[in-house]
Amino acid sequence: MDDSATFRRTEPFGHAATAGVISKPRLELRIGSNIFRSTNGVVTIHGKEHLVFEVKPEQGPLLATLDLYNERGIRMAHLRRNVLTLNDSGRFTVDVPVGQPLSSVDGRFILVTDLQSGHIVLEARMASEHRVDLTRGKLYSHKGMPIEITPHYCRIGSGTALFGNIVEARGGPAVLD
């Protein structure tokens, strides 16, 4: 009779190789009244990366990358790390604070405004070193569906309204569909 024992691993492979590595802290995104914990800073809408937040305390401001579309789904502007690299007819403006102390999260915000409609396209604020709040906005997805963010909800099109949800993203994106 064979007395050999079967080896069974109880921890994931590669665990020993990463045991001494400090993982990057994840970002909590609050979109309206919805909380997306442990995200990578990316917001996807209809399966496409739409918005990316970067928090780098040593560099100062909260950084955002965002594509802006119209109601037909045509890209009208592109915000790359708080700078408008594409801006159809100068329609959008970006307001970010300048000269804030690096040790403070107070005053770190991004405000994107549509000069044609007068609407705030996106307002995001740092609530802490690892938390960004999207408090309001009116924009369109790449499919031309309206997205409205208020302090109480996030509405996508006429059928989906998210309010009070708490989602564990496990290092992935905040998914809005």
Protein backbone atom coordinates (compact mmCIF):
# COMPACT_ATOMS: atom_id res chain seq x y z
CA MET A 1 0.00 0.00 0.00
CA ASP A 2 1.31 3.48 -0.87
CA ASP A 3 1.66 5.74 2.20
CA SER A 4 2.48 8.92 0.27
CA ALA A 5 0.55 11.98 1.33
CA THR A 6 -1.07 14.36 -1.10
CA PHE A 7 0.23 17.92 -0.86
CA ARG A 8 -2.59 20.46 -0.55
CA ARG A 9 -1.80 24.11 -0.69
CA THR A 10 -4.03 26.24 1.56
CA GLU A 11 -2.85 29.66 0.39
CA PRO A 12 -2.81 31.11 -3.12
CA PHE A 13 0.26 30.52 -5.26
CA GLY A 14 2.66 33.44 -5.20
CA HIS A 15 1.69 34.39 -1.63
CA ALA A 16 5.23 33.91 -0.34
CA ALA A 17 6.63 36.10 -3.11
CA THR A 18 4.38 39.02 -2.20
CA ALA A 19 4.46 38.64 1.56
CA GLY A 20 6.82 41.58 2.10
CA VAL A 21 5.30 43.91 -0.50
CA ILE A 22 3.13 46.77 0.72
CA SER A 23 0.06 47.06 -1.46
CA LYS A 24 -1.04 50.40 -2.86
CA PRO A 25 -3.93 51.86 -0.88
CA ARG A 26 -7.21 51.77 -2.76
CA LEU A 27 -9.40 54.76 -3.41
CA GLU A 28 -12.94 55.11 -2.10
CA LEU A 29 -15.23 56.89 -4.55
CA ARG A 30 -18.51 58.40 -3.45
CA ILE A 31 -20.74 59.09 -6.42
CA GLY A 32 -23.82 60.88 -5.19
CA SER A 33 -24.93 58.84 -2.18
CA ASN A 34 -23.26 55.67 -3.51
CA ILE A 35 -20.03 54.37 -2.01
CA PHE A 36 -17.54 52.38 -4.08
CA ARG A 37 -14.88 51.03 -1.73
CA SER A 38 -11.41 49.88 -2.65
CA THR A 39 -11.42 51.08 -6.28
CA ASN A 40 -8.51 51.72 -8.61
CA GLY A 41 -9.88 55.26 -9.22
CA VAL A 42 -11.58 54.35 -12.51
CA VAL A 43 -15.29 54.85 -13.23
CA THR A 44 -16.74 52.81 -16.09
CA ILE A 45 -20.06 53.58 -17.73
CA HIS A 46 -21.67 51.08 -20.12
CA GLY A 47 -18.48 49.00 -20.03
CA LYS A 48 -16.14 51.82 -21.07
CA GLU A 49 -13.60 53.68 -18.93
CA HIS A 50 -15.11 57.14 -18.65
CA LEU A 51 -13.41 58.85 -15.72
CA VAL A 52 -10.15 58.29 -13.84
CA PHE A 53 -9.09 59.89 -10.56
CA GLU A 54 -5.53 60.00 -9.33
CA VAL A 55 -4.65 61.09 -5.82
CA LYS A 56 -0.97 61.86 -5.40
CA PRO A 57 -0.52 63.78 -2.16
CA GLU A 58 3.14 64.51 -2.93
CA GLN A 59 2.15 66.25 -6.19
CA GLY A 60 -0.65 68.38 -4.80
CA PRO A 61 -3.98 68.43 -6.59
CA LEU A 62 -6.57 65.79 -7.24
CA LEU A 63 -6.12 64.72 -10.87
CA ALA A 64 -8.93 63.72 -13.22
CA THR A 65 -9.02 62.31 -16.73
CA LEU A 66 -12.41 62.44 -18.42
CA ASP A 67 -14.01 62.24 -21.85
CA LEU A 68 -17.00 64.53 -22.43
CA TYR A 69 -19.65 63.53 -24.95
CA ASN A 70 -22.79 65.15 -26.31
CA GLU A 71 -26.30 63.68 -26.48
CA ARG A 72 -25.38 61.85 -29.71
CA GLY A 73 -22.33 60.19 -28.13
CA ILE A 74 -19.81 62.32 -30.02
CA ARG A 75 -16.71 63.21 -28.01
CA MET A 76 -16.52 66.97 -27.53
CA ALA A 77 -13.72 67.33 -25.00
CA HIS A 78 -10.99 65.41 -23.25
CA LEU A 79 -9.64 66.31 -19.83
CA ARG A 80 -6.22 64.77 -19.16
CA ARG A 81 -4.92 65.20 -15.60
CA ASN A 82 -6.91 68.44 -15.15
CA VAL A 83 -5.88 69.92 -18.52
CA LEU A 84 -8.31 70.17 -21.43
CA THR A 85 -6.39 68.64 -24.34
CA LEU A 86 -9.44 68.69 -26.61
CA ASN A 87 -12.14 71.32 -26.11
CA ASP A 88 -14.68 71.80 -28.92
CA SER A 89 -15.05 75.57 -29.45
CA GLY A 90 -13.76 76.40 -25.96
CA ARG A 91 -17.04 75.13 -24.53
CA PHE A 92 -15.70 73.76 -21.23
CA THR A 93 -13.66 75.24 -18.40
CA VAL A 94 -11.77 73.56 -15.58
CA ASP A 95 -11.28 75.06 -12.15
CA VAL A 96 -8.72 73.56 -9.78
CA PRO A 97 -7.14 75.26 -6.77
CA VAL A 98 -3.56 76.43 -7.12
CA GLY A 99 -1.00 76.65 -4.34
CA GLN A 100 -2.70 74.41 -1.78
CA PRO A 101 -0.40 72.95 0.90
CA LEU A 102 0.51 69.36 0.06
CA SER A 103 -0.37 68.24 3.58
CA SER A 104 -3.97 69.46 3.26
CA VAL A 105 -6.86 67.85 1.42
CA ASP A 106 -9.03 70.89 2.13
CA GLY A 107 -9.67 72.78 -1.05
CA ARG A 108 -8.57 70.01 -3.40
CA PHE A 109 -11.31 69.85 -5.98
CA ILE A 110 -12.04 69.77 -9.69
CA LEU A 111 -14.89 71.72 -11.21
CA VAL A 112 -15.68 71.26 -14.91
CA THR A 113 -18.28 73.68 -16.30
CA ASP A 114 -20.13 73.76 -19.63
CA LEU A 115 -20.10 77.42 -20.69
CA GLN A 116 -22.83 76.86 -23.29
CA SER A 117 -25.43 75.42 -20.91
CA GLY A 118 -24.06 76.86 -17.67
CA HIS A 119 -24.25 73.39 -16.05
CA ILE A 120 -21.60 71.94 -13.81
CA VAL A 121 -20.40 68.92 -15.76
CA LEU A 122 -18.48 67.45 -12.84
CA GLU A 123 -17.60 68.49 -9.32
CA ALA A 124 -15.24 66.25 -7.37
CA ARG A 125 -13.60 66.90 -4.01
CA MET A 126 -11.02 65.10 -1.91
CA ALA A 127 -12.61 64.19 1.38
CA SER A 128 -9.46 62.48 2.65
CA GLU A 129 -6.20 61.16 1.28
CA HIS A 130 -7.97 57.99 0.07
CA ARG A 131 -11.48 59.27 -0.66
CA VAL A 132 -12.93 61.31 -3.52
CA ASP A 133 -16.52 62.57 -3.54
CA LEU A 134 -18.30 63.24 -6.83
CA THR A 135 -20.96 65.58 -5.50
CA ARG A 136 -22.69 66.75 -8.66
CA GLY A 137 -22.59 66.74 -12.40
CA LYS A 138 -24.46 66.62 -15.69
CA LEU A 139 -22.77 64.83 -18.55
CA TYR A 140 -23.34 62.21 -21.24
CA SER A 141 -21.99 58.69 -21.69
CA HIS A 142 -20.28 57.51 -24.87
CA LYS A 143 -23.70 56.16 -25.88
CA GLY A 144 -25.24 59.62 -25.54
CA MET A 145 -27.20 58.74 -22.38
CA PRO A 146 -27.53 61.53 -19.80
CA ILE A 147 -25.80 61.07 -16.46
CA GLU A 148 -26.88 63.20 -13.54
CA ILE A 149 -25.10 63.22 -10.19
CA THR A 150 -26.56 64.96 -7.15
CA PRO A 151 -25.61 64.56 -3.49
CA HIS A 152 -28.54 62.10 -3.21
CA TYR A 153 -28.31 59.89 -6.32
CA CYS A 154 -26.63 59.04 -9.60
CA ARG A 155 -29.01 58.65 -12.56
CA ILE A 156 -28.01 57.10 -15.88
CA GLY A 157 -30.54 57.59 -18.64
CA SER A 158 -34.16 57.37 -17.63
CA GLY A 159 -34.06 53.84 -16.27
CA THR A 160 -31.19 53.51 -13.81
CA ALA A 161 -30.96 55.46 -10.57
CA LEU A 162 -28.41 54.52 -7.95
CA PHE A 163 -28.82 55.78 -4.41
CA GLY A 164 -27.39 54.56 -1.13
CA ASN A 165 -25.51 51.59 -2.62
CA ILE A 166 -22.30 50.34 -1.04
CA VAL A 167 -20.09 48.36 -3.41
CA GLU A 168 -16.78 46.63 -2.69
CA ALA A 169 -14.76 47.05 -5.92
CA ARG A 170 -11.80 44.90 -4.75
CA GLY A 171 -9.24 47.01 -6.59
CA GLY A 172 -11.31 47.32 -9.76
CA PRO A 173 -13.36 50.16 -11.20
CA ALA A 174 -16.55 51.72 -9.92
CA VAL A 175 -19.09 50.36 -12.41
CA LEU A 176 -22.08 52.49 -13.37
CA ASP A 177 -24.53 50.82 -15.76
